[in-house]
Amino acid sequence: MKKQTAGRDNLGDFAPQFATFNDDVLFGEVWSREDKLSAHDRSMITIAALIATGNTEQIEAHLTLGKQNGITKDEIVEEITQLAFYTGWPHAWSTFNRAKEIWKD
């Protein structure tokens, strides 16, 4: 996984400690533990959490990362469909609108 800089790029001047936690701890330490849980599975879990909590601002970035981590179109469709019944139809619908653009090829 390439070095994450989104925290520093977006919040480094405003919230430098949070940016450090994002880039170095969350993505640098937690996401890199692929011997414990694959990046594919971490992406599936993260996408599910974002859908469940209605955090649509980060969903596009994590869908893109999930595709890079090997989530297939069929897998994302199944995940979103499953979550629709547990998290709410509008959350799923909103995520499908983003996912169909990311997996359009």
Protein backbone atom coordinates (compact mmCIF):
# COMPACT_ATOMS: atom_id res chain seq x y z
CA MET A 1 0.00 0.00 0.00
CA LYS A 2 1.37 3.41 -0.90
CA LYS A 3 2.06 5.97 1.81
CA GLN A 4 -1.11 7.82 2.80
CA THR A 5 -0.90 11.61 2.78
CA ALA A 6 -4.58 12.60 2.67
CA GLY A 7 -4.54 13.73 6.28
CA ARG A 8 -1.58 16.01 5.82
CA ASP A 9 -2.78 17.17 2.39
CA ASN A 10 -6.25 18.12 3.64
CA LEU A 11 -5.88 18.87 7.34
CA GLY A 12 -2.17 19.21 8.01
CA ASP A 13 -2.23 22.96 8.60
CA PHE A 14 -5.55 22.98 10.45
CA ALA A 15 -5.34 19.80 12.55
CA PRO A 16 -1.79 18.44 12.32
CA GLN A 17 -2.11 15.84 15.09
CA PHE A 18 -5.29 14.40 13.56
CA ALA A 19 -3.54 14.33 10.16
CA THR A 20 -0.68 12.37 11.73
CA PHE A 21 -3.08 9.87 13.31
CA ASN A 22 -4.83 9.43 9.94
CA ASP A 23 -1.72 8.99 7.82
CA ASP A 24 0.74 7.32 10.19
CA VAL A 25 -1.42 5.37 12.63
CA LEU A 26 -4.66 4.45 10.83
CA PHE A 27 -3.20 3.92 7.36
CA GLY A 28 0.47 3.48 8.28
CA GLU A 29 0.08 1.00 11.14
CA VAL A 30 -3.43 -0.45 11.12
CA TRP A 31 -4.10 -0.81 7.38
CA SER A 32 -0.59 -2.18 6.80
CA ARG A 33 -1.18 -5.23 9.02
CA GLU A 34 -2.08 -7.39 6.03
CA ASP A 35 -0.73 -10.50 7.75
CA LYS A 36 -3.69 -10.11 10.15
CA LEU A 37 -6.41 -8.93 7.74
CA SER A 38 -6.07 -8.31 4.01
CA ALA A 39 -6.48 -4.87 2.47
CA HIS A 40 -9.45 -6.30 0.54
CA ASP A 41 -11.19 -7.31 3.76
CA ARG A 42 -10.30 -4.06 5.52
CA SER A 43 -11.88 -2.19 2.61
CA MET A 44 -15.04 -4.32 2.80
CA ILE A 45 -15.31 -3.63 6.54
CA THR A 46 -14.62 0.09 6.17
CA ILE A 47 -17.17 0.48 3.37
CA ALA A 48 -19.76 -1.34 5.47
CA ALA A 49 -19.07 0.92 8.44
CA LEU A 50 -19.34 4.06 6.32
CA ILE A 51 -22.62 2.92 4.77
CA ALA A 52 -24.03 1.90 8.16
CA THR A 53 -23.21 5.24 9.74
CA GLY A 54 -24.27 7.31 6.72
CA ASN A 55 -20.82 8.83 6.26
CA THR A 56 -21.13 9.51 2.57
CA GLU A 57 -18.36 12.11 2.42
CA GLN A 58 -15.65 9.43 2.65
CA ILE A 59 -17.49 6.66 0.80
CA GLU A 60 -16.23 7.53 -2.68
CA ALA A 61 -12.58 7.49 -1.59
CA HIS A 62 -13.06 4.15 0.15
CA LEU A 63 -14.94 2.62 -2.78
CA THR A 64 -12.05 3.64 -5.02
CA LEU A 65 -9.53 2.22 -2.55
CA GLY A 66 -11.63 -0.93 -2.25
CA LYS A 67 -11.55 -1.44 -6.01
CA GLN A 68 -7.76 -0.95 -5.93
CA ASN A 69 -7.65 -3.53 -3.12
CA GLY A 70 -9.40 -6.09 -5.32
CA ILE A 71 -13.09 -5.73 -4.49
CA THR A 72 -14.98 -6.82 -7.59
CA LYS A 73 -18.18 -5.32 -8.96
CA ASP A 74 -20.10 -8.42 -7.91
CA GLU A 75 -18.72 -8.21 -4.36
CA ILE A 76 -19.56 -4.53 -3.93
CA VAL A 77 -23.08 -5.08 -5.28
CA GLU A 78 -23.62 -7.93 -2.81
CA GLU A 79 -22.19 -5.95 0.09
CA ILE A 80 -24.35 -2.90 -0.59
CA THR A 81 -27.46 -5.03 -1.15
CA GLN A 82 -26.91 -6.92 2.12
CA LEU A 83 -26.36 -3.68 4.02
CA ALA A 84 -29.51 -2.09 2.58
CA PHE A 85 -31.63 -4.32 4.80
CA TYR A 86 -29.63 -3.55 7.94
CA THR A 87 -28.63 0.09 7.49
CA GLY A 88 -31.40 1.60 5.41
CA TRP A 89 -32.38 1.80 1.79
CA PRO A 90 -31.27 5.43 1.30
CA HIS A 91 -27.74 4.64 2.51
CA ALA A 92 -27.50 1.78 0.02
CA TRP A 93 -29.02 3.78 -2.82
CA SER A 94 -26.55 6.63 -2.29
CA THR A 95 -23.64 4.21 -2.23
CA PHE A 96 -24.83 2.44 -5.37
CA ASN A 97 -24.84 5.78 -7.20
CA ARG A 98 -21.16 6.21 -6.39
CA ALA A 99 -20.18 2.56 -6.85
CA LYS A 100 -21.65 2.30 -10.36
CA GLU A 101 -19.36 5.14 -11.46
CA ILE A 102 -16.27 3.55 -9.92
CA TRP A 103 -16.98 0.07 -11.34
CA LYS A 104 -18.32 1.29 -14.70
CA ASP A 105 -15.55 -0.35 -16.72
